[in-house]
Each structure stands twice: as C-alpha cells, then as structure tokens.
Amino acid sequence: MFIAMNRFRVKKGSEQDFEKVWLRRDSHLAKVPGFVEFHLLKGPEHEDFTLYASHTVWQSRATFEAWTRSEEFRAAHRDAGQNKPLYIDHPQFEGFEVRQTLSRGKAAVA
C-alpha cells in the first residue's frame, strides 16, 4: 500500500473557499486502477494559515505513479492553478510506503 499526501497552507479567511474547491471537483479517482480511498484533512490553525492535507491511499506506489501519468490526473488537476491565491506557496508532497496496518479485528504487516 502507498499513501500520497499534499500539504496546503491555506491563507486565513480562505478556508471555506478552499474546501468548496475540493468538495465540488471531480477527482476522477473512482475510475483509476489501484485507488483505495481519499481524505481531505483539516489541521491546526496558525497565525497566517490553516494547514490542510489531501490524503490518498493506493494499492501500491506503482498504481499511484500510473495515476500521475494518466488522463484522469490531468483532468482532475486542469484548473488547479486558479486556486493558488487560496494558499501560501506550492503544496508540499509527501509519499509513504505502508509498513504496517492495524484495523479493528485484524493486523497486517507489509
């Protein structure tokens, strides 16, 4: 399993508009092989920004990388540049290979 995260420092006062962009957009993820689930996370508030993260779970790093080269990826990110005024700097990408998963009633190790 692979987890892809982008961290966004959303300008104070722009949180509602930022969330609307994510809630209304077509991510195209449901059509992509290897996609497991997506979460939009709201984190702590700071003096000039609120931290958000997009958290996507994939079956493997290979399926995530295939997504980044797909037509669905290009369609999902087509208008992303229009939202730059909502956040400070570029999103920060972080990718993680899962080494252990715990679920209610079961455990798995990679």
PDB file of N, CA and C in Angstrom:
ATOM      1  N   MET A   1       0.841  -1.166   0.000  1.00  0.00           N
ATOM      2  CA  MET A   1       0.000   0.000   0.000  1.00  0.00           C
ATOM      3  C   MET A   1       0.896   1.243   0.000  1.00  0.00           C
ATOM      4  N   PHE A   2       0.388   2.341  -0.561  1.00  0.00           N
ATOM      5  CA  PHE A   2       1.124   3.593  -0.656  1.00  0.00           C
ATOM      6  C   PHE A   2       0.178   4.733  -0.307  1.00  0.00           C
ATOM      7  N   ILE A   3       0.673   5.695   0.475  1.00  0.00           N
ATOM      8  CA  ILE A   3      -0.120   6.864   0.843  1.00  0.00           C
ATOM      9  C   ILE A   3       0.551   8.099   0.258  1.00  0.00           C
ATOM     10  N   ALA A   4      -0.226   8.875  -0.486  1.00  0.00           N
ATOM     11  CA  ALA A   4       0.248  10.124  -1.078  1.00  0.00           C
ATOM     12  C   ALA A   4      -0.450  11.283  -0.380  1.00  0.00           C
ATOM     13  N   MET A   5       0.345  12.245   0.083  1.00  0.00           N
ATOM     14  CA  MET A   5      -0.216  13.394   0.783  1.00  0.00           C
ATOM     15  C   MET A   5       0.328  14.683   0.188  1.00  0.00           C
ATOM     16  N   ASN A   6      -0.535  15.661   0.059  1.00  0.00           N
ATOM     17  CA  ASN A   6      -0.127  17.015  -0.277  1.00  0.00           C
ATOM     18  C   ASN A   6      -0.575  17.903   0.863  1.00  0.00           C
ATOM     19  N   ARG A   7       0.355  18.705   1.385  1.00  0.00           N
ATOM     20  CA  ARG A   7       0.039  19.618   2.480  1.00  0.00           C
ATOM     21  C   ARG A   7      -0.117  21.025   1.909  1.00  0.00           C
ATOM     22  N   PHE A   8      -1.191  21.684   2.307  1.00  0.00           N
ATOM     23  CA  PHE A   8      -1.517  23.023   1.837  1.00  0.00           C
ATOM     24  C   PHE A   8      -1.571  23.985   3.022  1.00  0.00           C
ATOM     25  N   ARG A   9      -0.896  25.099   2.905  1.00  0.00           N
ATOM     26  CA  ARG A   9      -1.014  26.155   3.906  1.00  0.00           C
ATOM     27  C   ARG A   9      -2.017  27.171   3.352  1.00  0.00           C
ATOM     28  N   VAL A  10      -3.260  27.048   3.806  1.00  0.00           N
ATOM     29  CA  VAL A  10      -4.359  27.857   3.290  1.00  0.00           C
ATOM     30  C   VAL A  10      -4.413  29.179   4.050  1.00  0.00           C
ATOM     31  N   LYS A  11      -4.446  30.271   3.280  1.00  0.00           N
ATOM     32  CA  LYS A  11      -4.463  31.605   3.880  1.00  0.00           C
ATOM     33  C   LYS A  11      -5.664  31.773   4.796  1.00  0.00           C
ATOM     34  N   LYS A  12      -5.434  32.432   5.925  1.00  0.00           N
ATOM     35  CA  LYS A  12      -6.521  32.722   6.868  1.00  0.00           C
ATOM     36  C   LYS A  12      -7.651  33.433   6.121  1.00  0.00           C
ATOM     37  N   GLY A  13      -8.871  32.985   6.366  1.00  0.00           N
ATOM     38  CA  GLY A  13     -10.042  33.557   5.708  1.00  0.00           C
ATOM     39  C   GLY A  13     -10.411  32.875   4.408  1.00  0.00           C
ATOM     40  N   SER A  14      -9.534  31.993   3.893  1.00  0.00           N
ATOM     41  CA  SER A  14      -9.788  31.301   2.621  1.00  0.00           C
ATOM     42  C   SER A  14     -10.182  29.842   2.818  1.00  0.00           C
ATOM     43  N   GLU A  15     -10.332  29.412   4.056  1.00  0.00           N
ATOM     44  CA  GLU A  15     -10.605  28.005   4.344  1.00  0.00           C
ATOM     45  C   GLU A  15     -11.890  27.507   3.684  1.00  0.00           C
ATOM     46  N   GLN A  16     -12.956  28.283   3.799  1.00  0.00           N
ATOM     47  CA  GLN A  16     -14.243  27.859   3.232  1.00  0.00           C
ATOM     48  C   GLN A  16     -14.157  27.724   1.715  1.00  0.00           C
ATOM     49  N   ASP A  17     -13.517  28.676   1.047  1.00  0.00           N
ATOM     50  CA  ASP A  17     -13.363  28.609  -0.410  1.00  0.00           C
ATOM     51  C   ASP A  17     -12.490  27.422  -0.810  1.00  0.00           C
ATOM     52  N   PHE A  18     -11.428  27.160  -0.051  1.00  0.00           N
ATOM     53  CA  PHE A  18     -10.548  26.024  -0.330  1.00  0.00           C
ATOM     54  C   PHE A  18     -11.330  24.714  -0.233  1.00  0.00           C
ATOM     55  N   GLU A  19     -12.107  24.566   0.826  1.00  0.00           N
ATOM     56  CA  GLU A  19     -12.899  23.342   0.993  1.00  0.00           C
ATOM     57  C   GLU A  19     -13.928  23.187  -0.115  1.00  0.00           C
ATOM     58  N   LYS A  20     -14.554  24.275  -0.539  1.00  0.00           N
ATOM     59  CA  LYS A  20     -15.538  24.205  -1.630  1.00  0.00           C
ATOM     60  C   LYS A  20     -14.903  23.667  -2.906  1.00  0.00           C
ATOM     61  N   VAL A  21     -13.690  24.122  -3.203  1.00  0.00           N
ATOM     62  CA  VAL A  21     -12.990  23.644  -4.402  1.00  0.00           C
ATOM     63  C   VAL A  21     -12.869  22.130  -4.359  1.00  0.00           C
ATOM     64  N   TRP A  22     -12.456  21.594  -3.228  1.00  0.00           N
ATOM     65  CA  TRP A  22     -12.247  20.150  -3.107  1.00  0.00           C
ATOM     66  C   TRP A  22     -13.570  19.388  -3.101  1.00  0.00           C
ATOM     67  N   LEU A  23     -14.559  19.906  -2.419  1.00  0.00           N
ATOM     68  CA  LEU A  23     -15.831  19.197  -2.303  1.00  0.00           C
ATOM     69  C   LEU A  23     -16.619  19.182  -3.609  1.00  0.00           C
ATOM     70  N   ARG A  24     -16.393  20.164  -4.453  1.00  0.00           N
ATOM     71  CA  ARG A  24     -17.161  20.271  -5.705  1.00  0.00           C
ATOM     72  C   ARG A  24     -16.448  19.693  -6.919  1.00  0.00           C
ATOM     73  N   ARG A  25     -15.176  19.420  -6.811  1.00  0.00           N
ATOM     74  CA  ARG A  25     -14.436  18.982  -8.002  1.00  0.00           C
ATOM     75  C   ARG A  25     -14.625  17.488  -8.271  1.00  0.00           C
ATOM     76  N   ASP A  26     -14.458  17.125  -9.520  1.00  0.00           N
ATOM     77  CA  ASP A  26     -14.473  15.710  -9.899  1.00  0.00           C
ATOM     78  C   ASP A  26     -13.032  15.236  -9.872  1.00  0.00           C
ATOM     79  N   SER A  27     -12.704  14.402  -8.930  1.00  0.00           N
ATOM     80  CA  SER A  27     -11.317  13.925  -8.778  1.00  0.00           C
ATOM     81  C   SER A  27     -10.950  12.872  -9.812  1.00  0.00           C
ATOM     82  N   HIS A  28     -11.949  12.217 -10.391  1.00  0.00           N
ATOM     83  CA  HIS A  28     -11.741  11.129 -11.360  1.00  0.00           C
ATOM     84  C   HIS A  28     -11.085   9.903 -10.726  1.00  0.00           C
ATOM     85  N   LEU A  29     -10.913   9.887  -9.413  1.00  0.00           N
ATOM     86  CA  LEU A  29     -10.200   8.796  -8.749  1.00  0.00           C
ATOM     87  C   LEU A  29     -10.933   7.463  -8.831  1.00  0.00           C
ATOM     88  N   ALA A  30     -12.244   7.493  -8.785  1.00  0.00           N
ATOM     89  CA  ALA A  30     -13.001   6.232  -8.786  1.00  0.00           C
ATOM     90  C   ALA A  30     -12.758   5.409 -10.053  1.00  0.00           C
ATOM     91  N   LYS A  31     -12.278   6.059 -11.110  1.00  0.00           N
ATOM     92  CA  LYS A  31     -12.039   5.372 -12.384  1.00  0.00           C
ATOM     93  C   LYS A  31     -10.630   4.794 -12.489  1.00  0.00           C
ATOM     94  N   VAL A  32      -9.782   5.071 -11.506  1.00  0.00           N
ATOM     95  CA  VAL A  32      -8.359   4.756 -11.624  1.00  0.00           C
ATOM     96  C   VAL A  32      -8.020   3.439 -10.927  1.00  0.00           C
ATOM     97  N   PRO A  33      -7.393   2.497 -11.647  1.00  0.00           N
ATOM     98  CA  PRO A  33      -6.983   1.230 -11.023  1.00  0.00           C
ATOM     99  C   PRO A  33      -6.007   1.489  -9.873  1.00  0.00           C
ATOM    100  N   GLY A  34      -6.203   0.796  -8.769  1.00  0.00           N
ATOM    101  CA  GLY A  34      -5.305   0.899  -7.635  1.00  0.00           C
ATOM    102  C   GLY A  34      -5.700   1.926  -6.589  1.00  0.00           C
ATOM    103  N   PHE A  35      -6.677   2.778  -6.907  1.00  0.00           N
ATOM    104  CA  PHE A  35      -7.140   3.767  -5.931  1.00  0.00           C
ATOM    105  C   PHE A  35      -7.928   3.065  -4.834  1.00  0.00           C
ATOM    106  N   VAL A  36      -7.673   3.414  -3.566  1.00  0.00           N
ATOM    107  CA  VAL A  36      -8.368   2.818  -2.429  1.00  0.00           C
ATOM    108  C   VAL A  36      -9.302   3.820  -1.777  1.00  0.00           C
ATOM    109  N   GLU A  37      -8.753   4.969  -1.305  1.00  0.00           N
ATOM    110  CA  GLU A  37      -9.608   5.976  -0.673  1.00  0.00           C
ATOM    111  C   GLU A  37      -8.897   7.319  -0.599  1.00  0.00           C
ATOM    112  N   PHE A  38      -9.709   8.358  -0.402  1.00  0.00           N
ATOM    113  CA  PHE A  38      -9.218   9.730  -0.322  1.00  0.00           C
ATOM    114  C   PHE A  38      -9.799  10.397   0.911  1.00  0.00           C
ATOM    115  N   HIS A  39      -8.990  11.259   1.538  1.00  0.00           N
ATOM    116  CA  HIS A  39      -9.449  12.078   2.669  1.00  0.00           C
ATOM    117  C   HIS A  39      -8.929  13.503   2.474  1.00  0.00           C
ATOM    118  N   LEU A  40      -9.777  14.493   2.714  1.00  0.00           N
ATOM    119  CA  LEU A  40      -9.324  15.874   2.816  1.00  0.00           C
ATOM    120  C   LEU A  40      -9.267  16.177   4.302  1.00  0.00           C
ATOM    121  N   LEU A  41      -8.093  16.533   4.791  1.00  0.00           N
ATOM    122  CA  LEU A  41      -7.864  16.720   6.220  1.00  0.00           C
ATOM    123  C   LEU A  41      -7.652  18.195   6.549  1.00  0.00           C
ATOM    124  N   LYS A  42      -8.301  18.641   7.607  1.00  0.00           N
ATOM    125  CA  LYS A  42      -8.078  20.000   8.104  1.00  0.00           C
ATOM    126  C   LYS A  42      -7.272  19.891   9.381  1.00  0.00           C
ATOM    127  N   GLY A  43      -6.148  20.599   9.423  1.00  0.00           N
ATOM    128  CA  GLY A  43      -5.253  20.528  10.558  1.00  0.00           C
ATOM    129  C   GLY A  43      -5.287  21.777  11.412  1.00  0.00           C
ATOM    130  N   PRO A  44      -4.183  22.015  12.104  1.00  0.00           N
ATOM    131  CA  PRO A  44      -4.138  23.143  13.038  1.00  0.00           C
ATOM    132  C   PRO A  44      -4.138  24.499  12.340  1.00  0.00           C
ATOM    133  N   GLU A  45      -4.673  25.468  13.064  1.00  0.00           N
ATOM    134  CA  GLU A  45      -4.656  26.853  12.596  1.00  0.00           C
ATOM    135  C   GLU A  45      -3.403  27.528  13.135  1.00  0.00           C
ATOM    136  N   HIS A  46      -2.774  28.319  12.276  1.00  0.00           N
ATOM    137  CA  HIS A  46      -1.601  29.098  12.653  1.00  0.00           C
ATOM    138  C   HIS A  46      -1.948  30.574  12.495  1.00  0.00           C
ATOM    139  N   GLU A  47      -1.002  31.431  12.767  1.00  0.00           N
ATOM    140  CA  GLU A  47      -1.267  32.868  12.723  1.00  0.00           C
ATOM    141  C   GLU A  47      -1.759  33.338  11.356  1.00  0.00           C
ATOM    142  N   ASP A  48      -1.119  32.864  10.279  1.00  0.00           N
ATOM    143  CA  ASP A  48      -1.474  33.352   8.944  1.00  0.00           C
ATOM    144  C   ASP A  48      -2.017  32.272   8.003  1.00  0.00           C
ATOM    145  N   PHE A  49      -2.158  31.037   8.476  1.00  0.00           N
ATOM    146  CA  PHE A  49      -2.690  29.973   7.617  1.00  0.00           C
ATOM    147  C   PHE A  49      -3.295  28.854   8.456  1.00  0.00           C
ATOM    148  N   THR A  50      -4.105  28.018   7.757  1.00  0.00           N
ATOM    149  CA  THR A  50      -4.619  26.776   8.329  1.00  0.00           C
ATOM    150  C   THR A  50      -4.043  25.644   7.494  1.00  0.00           C
ATOM    151  N   LEU A  51      -3.548  24.626   8.151  1.00  0.00           N
ATOM    152  CA  LEU A  51      -2.937  23.502   7.449  1.00  0.00           C
ATOM    153  C   LEU A  51      -4.016  22.521   6.988  1.00  0.00           C
ATOM    154  N   TYR A  52      -3.960  22.124   5.723  1.00  0.00           N
ATOM    155  CA  TYR A  52      -4.817  21.090   5.159  1.00  0.00           C
ATOM    156  C   TYR A  52      -3.915  20.048   4.510  1.00  0.00           C
ATOM    157  N   ALA A  53      -4.439  18.836   4.348  1.00  0.00           N
ATOM    158  CA  ALA A  53      -3.711  17.799   3.619  1.00  0.00           C
ATOM    159  C   ALA A  53      -4.694  16.963   2.821  1.00  0.00           C
ATOM    160  N   SER A  54      -4.299  16.641   1.600  1.00  0.00           N
ATOM    161  CA  SER A  54      -5.032  15.632   0.833  1.00  0.00           C
ATOM    162  C   SER A  54      -4.315  14.323   1.100  1.00  0.00           C
ATOM    163  N   HIS A  55      -5.066  13.292   1.415  1.00  0.00           N
ATOM    164  CA  HIS A  55      -4.508  12.006   1.854  1.00  0.00           C
ATOM    165  C   HIS A  55      -5.147  10.924   0.985  1.00  0.00           C
ATOM    166  N   THR A  56      -4.353  10.325   0.105  1.00  0.00           N
ATOM    167  CA  THR A  56      -4.877   9.337  -0.821  1.00  0.00           C
ATOM    168  C   THR A  56      -4.182   8.004  -0.596  1.00  0.00           C
ATOM    169  N   VAL A  57      -4.969   6.941  -0.500  1.00  0.00           N
ATOM    170  CA  VAL A  57      -4.431   5.602  -0.287  1.00  0.00           C
ATOM    171  C   VAL A  57      -4.503   4.837  -1.611  1.00  0.00           C
ATOM    172  N   TRP A  58      -3.388   4.187  -1.952  1.00  0.00           N
ATOM    173  CA  TRP A  58      -3.259   3.423  -3.192  1.00  0.00           C
ATOM    174  C   TRP A  58      -2.833   1.999  -2.877  1.00  0.00           C
ATOM    175  N   GLN A  59      -3.131   1.085  -3.790  1.00  0.00           N
ATOM    176  CA  GLN A  59      -2.721  -0.309  -3.603  1.00  0.00           C
ATOM    177  C   GLN A  59      -1.208  -0.447  -3.603  1.00  0.00           C
ATOM    178  N   SER A  60      -0.515   0.424  -4.341  1.00  0.00           N
ATOM    179  CA  SER A  60       0.949   0.354  -4.421  1.00  0.00           C
ATOM    180  C   SER A  60       1.497   1.685  -4.928  1.00  0.00           C
ATOM    181  N   ARG A  61       2.797   1.857  -4.785  1.00  0.00           N
ATOM    182  CA  ARG A  61       3.453   3.049  -5.346  1.00  0.00           C
ATOM    183  C   ARG A  61       3.275   3.061  -6.868  1.00  0.00           C
ATOM    184  N   ALA A  62       3.347   1.894  -7.480  1.00  0.00           N
ATOM    185  CA  ALA A  62       3.223   1.806  -8.941  1.00  0.00           C
ATOM    186  C   ALA A  62       1.856   2.302  -9.417  1.00  0.00           C
ATOM    187  N   THR A  63       0.785   1.963  -8.688  1.00  0.00           N
ATOM    188  CA  THR A  63      -0.538   2.429  -9.117  1.00  0.00           C
ATOM    189  C   THR A  63      -0.669   3.940  -8.919  1.00  0.00           C
ATOM    190  N   PHE A  64      -0.044   4.481  -7.857  1.00  0.00           N
ATOM    191  CA  PHE A  64      -0.033   5.936  -7.667  1.00  0.00           C
ATOM    192  C   PHE A  64       0.712   6.611  -8.811  1.00  0.00           C
ATOM    193  N   GLU A  65       1.896   6.103  -9.135  1.00  0.00           N
ATOM    194  CA  GLU A  65       2.689   6.707 -10.204  1.00  0.00           C
ATOM    195  C   GLU A  65       1.971   6.633 -11.546  1.00  0.00           C
ATOM    196  N   ALA A  66       1.269   5.537 -11.788  1.00  0.00           N
ATOM    197  CA  ALA A  66       0.482   5.424 -13.028  1.00  0.00           C
ATOM    198  C   ALA A  66      -0.612   6.499 -13.054  1.00  0.00           C
ATOM    199  N   TRP A  67      -1.233   6.750 -11.912  1.00  0.00           N
ATOM    200  CA  TRP A  67      -2.248   7.809 -11.804  1.00  0.00           C
ATOM    201  C   TRP A  67      -1.665   9.170 -12.203  1.00  0.00           C
ATOM    202  N   THR A  68      -0.429   9.460 -11.751  1.00  0.00           N
ATOM    203  CA  THR A  68       0.162  10.770 -12.035  1.00  0.00           C
ATOM    204  C   THR A  68       0.472  10.962 -13.521  1.00  0.00           C
ATOM    205  N   ARG A  69       0.491   9.881 -14.282  1.00  0.00           N
ATOM    206  CA  ARG A  69       0.733   9.963 -15.722  1.00  0.00           C
ATOM    207  C   ARG A  69      -0.546   9.792 -16.540  1.00  0.00           C
ATOM    208  N   SER A  70      -1.680   9.687 -15.855  1.00  0.00           N
ATOM    209  CA  SER A  70      -2.933   9.354 -16.548  1.00  0.00           C
ATOM    210  C   SER A  70      -3.704  10.581 -17.031  1.00  0.00           C
ATOM    211  N   GLU A  71      -4.603  10.312 -17.941  1.00  0.00           N
ATOM    212  CA  GLU A  71      -5.517  11.346 -18.439  1.00  0.00           C
ATOM    213  C   GLU A  71      -6.432  11.827 -17.302  1.00  0.00           C
ATOM    214  N   GLU A  72      -6.811  10.923 -16.410  1.00  0.00           N
ATOM    215  CA  GLU A  72      -7.660  11.280 -15.262  1.00  0.00           C
ATOM    216  C   GLU A  72      -6.943  12.278 -14.342  1.00  0.00           C
ATOM    217  N   PHE A  73      -5.647  12.095 -14.148  1.00  0.00           N
ATOM    218  CA  PHE A  73      -4.848  13.018 -13.336  1.00  0.00           C
ATOM    219  C   PHE A  73      -4.859  14.408 -13.962  1.00  0.00           C
ATOM    220  N   ARG A  74      -4.607  14.473 -15.259  1.00  0.00           N
ATOM    221  CA  ARG A  74      -4.597  15.763 -15.950  1.00  0.00           C
ATOM    222  C   ARG A  74      -5.962  16.433 -15.863  1.00  0.00           C
ATOM    223  N   ALA A  75      -7.028  15.660 -16.003  1.00  0.00           N
ATOM    224  CA  ALA A  75      -8.378  16.229 -15.912  1.00  0.00           C
ATOM    225  C   ALA A  75      -8.673  16.733 -14.499  1.00  0.00           C
ATOM    226  N   ALA A  76      -8.259  15.992 -13.487  1.00  0.00           N
ATOM    227  CA  ALA A  76      -8.522  16.385 -12.095  1.00  0.00           C
ATOM    228  C   ALA A  76      -7.755  17.639 -11.698  1.00  0.00           C
ATOM    229  N   HIS A  77      -6.600  17.861 -12.304  1.00  0.00           N
ATOM    230  CA  HIS A  77      -5.749  18.996 -11.936  1.00  0.00           C
ATOM    231  C   HIS A  77      -5.778  20.133 -12.956  1.00  0.00           C
ATOM    232  N   ARG A  78      -6.647  20.027 -13.931  1.00  0.00           N
ATOM    233  CA  ARG A  78      -6.704  21.001 -15.030  1.00  0.00           C
ATOM    234  C   ARG A  78      -6.824  22.445 -14.547  1.00  0.00           C
ATOM    235  N   ASP A  79      -7.663  22.700 -13.559  1.00  0.00           N
ATOM    236  CA  ASP A  79      -7.903  24.065 -13.094  1.00  0.00           C
ATOM    237  C   ASP A  79      -7.193  24.402 -11.781  1.00  0.00           C
ATOM    238  N   ALA A  80      -6.246  23.591 -11.380  1.00  0.00           N
ATOM    239  CA  ALA A  80      -5.592  23.769 -10.080  1.00  0.00           C
ATOM    240  C   ALA A  80      -4.916  25.128  -9.947  1.00  0.00           C
ATOM    241  N   GLY A  81      -4.361  25.656 -11.006  1.00  0.00           N
ATOM    242  CA  GLY A  81      -3.667  26.938 -10.951  1.00  0.00           C
ATOM    243  C   GLY A  81      -4.561  28.096 -10.556  1.00  0.00           C
ATOM    244  N   GLN A  82      -5.852  27.976 -10.800  1.00  0.00           N
ATOM    245  CA  GLN A  82      -6.789  29.046 -10.456  1.00  0.00           C
ATOM    246  C   GLN A  82      -6.962  29.191  -8.946  1.00  0.00           C
ATOM    247  N   ASN A  83      -6.570  28.173  -8.187  1.00  0.00           N
ATOM    248  CA  ASN A  83      -6.770  28.185  -6.735  1.00  0.00           C
ATOM    249  C   ASN A  83      -5.544  28.644  -5.962  1.00  0.00           C
ATOM    250  N   LYS A  84      -4.460  28.990  -6.643  1.00  0.00           N
ATOM    251  CA  LYS A  84      -3.227  29.401  -5.960  1.00  0.00           C
ATOM    252  C   LYS A  84      -3.426  30.585  -5.016  1.00  0.00           C
ATOM    253  N   PRO A  85      -4.315  31.526  -5.304  1.00  0.00           N
ATOM    254  CA  PRO A  85      -4.499  32.636  -4.354  1.00  0.00           C
ATOM    255  C   PRO A  85      -5.021  32.188  -2.984  1.00  0.00           C
ATOM    256  N   LEU A  86      -5.528  30.954  -2.872  1.00  0.00           N
ATOM    257  CA  LEU A  86      -6.089  30.485  -1.611  1.00  0.00           C
ATOM    258  C   LEU A  86      -5.020  29.994  -0.634  1.00  0.00           C
ATOM    259  N   TYR A  87      -3.824  29.671  -1.117  1.00  0.00           N
ATOM    260  CA  TYR A  87      -2.814  29.113  -0.225  1.00  0.00           C
ATOM    261  C   TYR A  87      -1.447  29.752  -0.411  1.00  0.00           C
ATOM    262  N   ILE A  88      -0.610  29.548   0.579  1.00  0.00           N
ATOM    263  CA  ILE A  88       0.745  30.086   0.609  1.00  0.00           C
ATOM    264  C   ILE A  88       1.673  29.056  -0.027  1.00  0.00           C
ATOM    265  N   ASP A  89       2.466  29.485  -1.003  1.00  0.00           N
ATOM    266  CA  ASP A  89       3.423  28.608  -1.677  1.00  0.00           C
ATOM    267  C   ASP A  89       2.750  27.430  -2.380  1.00  0.00           C
ATOM    268  N   HIS A  90       3.589  26.535  -2.871  1.00  0.00           N
ATOM    269  CA  HIS A  90       3.120  25.321  -3.538  1.00  0.00           C
ATOM    270  C   HIS A  90       2.761  24.278  -2.478  1.00  0.00           C
ATOM    271  N   PRO A  91       1.849  23.365  -2.811  1.00  0.00           N
ATOM    272  CA  PRO A  91       1.586  22.252  -1.888  1.00  0.00           C
ATOM    273  C   PRO A  91       2.871  21.441  -1.696  1.00  0.00           C
ATOM    274  N   GLN A  92       3.031  20.870  -0.532  1.00  0.00           N
ATOM    275  CA  GLN A  92       4.195  20.031  -0.242  1.00  0.00           C
ATOM    276  C   GLN A  92       3.786  18.566  -0.335  1.00  0.00           C
ATOM    277  N   PHE A  93       4.381  17.837  -1.282  1.00  0.00           N
ATOM    278  CA  PHE A  93       4.068  16.420  -1.476  1.00  0.00           C
ATOM    279  C   PHE A  93       4.890  15.560  -0.533  1.00  0.00           C
ATOM    280  N   GLU A  94       4.236  14.521   0.010  1.00  0.00           N
ATOM    281  CA  GLU A  94       4.909  13.505   0.816  1.00  0.00           C
ATOM    282  C   GLU A  94       4.325  12.156   0.435  1.00  0.00           C
ATOM    283  N   GLY A  95       5.176  11.188   0.118  1.00  0.00           N
ATOM    284  CA  GLY A  95       4.731   9.837  -0.229  1.00  0.00           C
ATOM    285  C   GLY A  95       5.259   8.831   0.774  1.00  0.00           C
ATOM    286  N   PHE A  96       4.410   7.874   1.152  1.00  0.00           N
ATOM    287  CA  PHE A  96       4.772   6.907   2.180  1.00  0.00           C
ATOM    288  C   PHE A  96       4.420   5.492   1.736  1.00  0.00           C
ATOM    289  N   GLU A  97       5.360   4.576   1.876  1.00  0.00           N
ATOM    290  CA  GLU A  97       5.072   3.166   1.672  1.00  0.00           C
ATOM    291  C   GLU A  97       4.624   2.595   3.011  1.00  0.00           C
ATOM    292  N   VAL A  98       3.476   1.945   3.014  1.00  0.00           N
ATOM    293  CA  VAL A  98       2.902   1.418   4.251  1.00  0.00           C
ATOM    294  C   VAL A  98       3.687   0.192   4.696  1.00  0.00           C
ATOM    295  N   ARG A  99       4.061   0.176   5.960  1.00  0.00           N
ATOM    296  CA  ARG A  99       4.795  -0.939   6.541  1.00  0.00           C
ATOM    297  C   ARG A  99       3.952  -1.752   7.511  1.00  0.00           C
ATOM    298  N   GLN A 100       2.917  -1.137   8.063  1.00  0.00           N
ATOM    299  CA  GLN A 100       2.026  -1.848   8.976  1.00  0.00           C
ATOM    300  C   GLN A 100       0.650  -1.210   8.899  1.00  0.00           C
ATOM    301  N   THR A 101      -0.377  -2.054   8.959  1.00  0.00           N
ATOM    302  CA  THR A 101      -1.756  -1.587   9.000  1.00  0.00           C
ATOM    303  C   THR A 101      -2.467  -2.288  10.143  1.00  0.00           C
ATOM    304  N   LEU A 102      -3.152  -1.523  10.963  1.00  0.00           N
ATOM    305  CA  LEU A 102      -3.973  -2.073  12.038  1.00  0.00           C
ATOM    306  C   LEU A 102      -5.417  -1.692  11.773  1.00  0.00           C
ATOM    307  N   SER A 103      -6.288  -2.646  11.850  1.00  0.00           N
ATOM    308  CA  SER A 103      -7.720  -2.416  11.692  1.00  0.00           C
ATOM    309  C   SER A 103      -8.433  -3.141  12.824  1.00  0.00           C
ATOM    310  N   ARG A 104      -9.633  -2.744  13.098  1.00  0.00           N
ATOM    311  CA  ARG A 104     -10.402  -3.425  14.136  1.00  0.00           C
ATOM    312  C   ARG A 104     -10.506  -4.900  13.783  1.00  0.00           C
ATOM    313  N   GLY A 105      -9.959  -5.743  14.647  1.00  0.00           N
ATOM    314  CA  GLY A 105     -10.073  -7.168  14.463  1.00  0.00           C
ATOM    315  C   GLY A 105      -9.003  -7.836  13.613  1.00  0.00           C
ATOM    316  N   LYS A 106      -8.076  -7.022  13.021  1.00  0.00           N
ATOM    317  CA  LYS A 106      -7.033  -7.659  12.215  1.00  0.00           C
ATOM    318  C   LYS A 106      -5.812  -6.739  12.118  1.00  0.00           C
ATOM    319  N   ALA A 107      -4.679  -7.327  11.828  1.00  0.00           N
ATOM    320  CA  ALA A 107      -3.452  -6.582  11.658  1.00  0.00           C
ATOM    321  C   ALA A 107      -2.704  -7.137  10.458  1.00  0.00           C
ATOM    322  N   ALA A 108      -1.959  -6.270   9.762  1.00  0.00           N
ATOM    323  CA  ALA A 108      -1.189  -6.709   8.622  1.00  0.00           C
ATOM    324  C   ALA A 108       0.139  -5.974   8.609  1.00  0.00           C
ATOM    325  N   VAL A 109       1.179  -6.664   8.155  1.00  0.00           N
ATOM    326  CA  VAL A 109       2.498  -6.078   8.016  1.00  0.00           C
ATOM    327  C   VAL A 109       2.892  -6.223   6.555  1.00  0.00           C
ATOM    328  N   ALA A 110       3.489  -5.162   5.985  1.00  0.00           N
ATOM    329  CA  ALA A 110       3.887  -5.196   4.579  1.00  0.00           C
ATOM    330  C   ALA A 110       5.083  -6.100   4.364  1.00  0.00           C
TER     331      ALA A 110
END
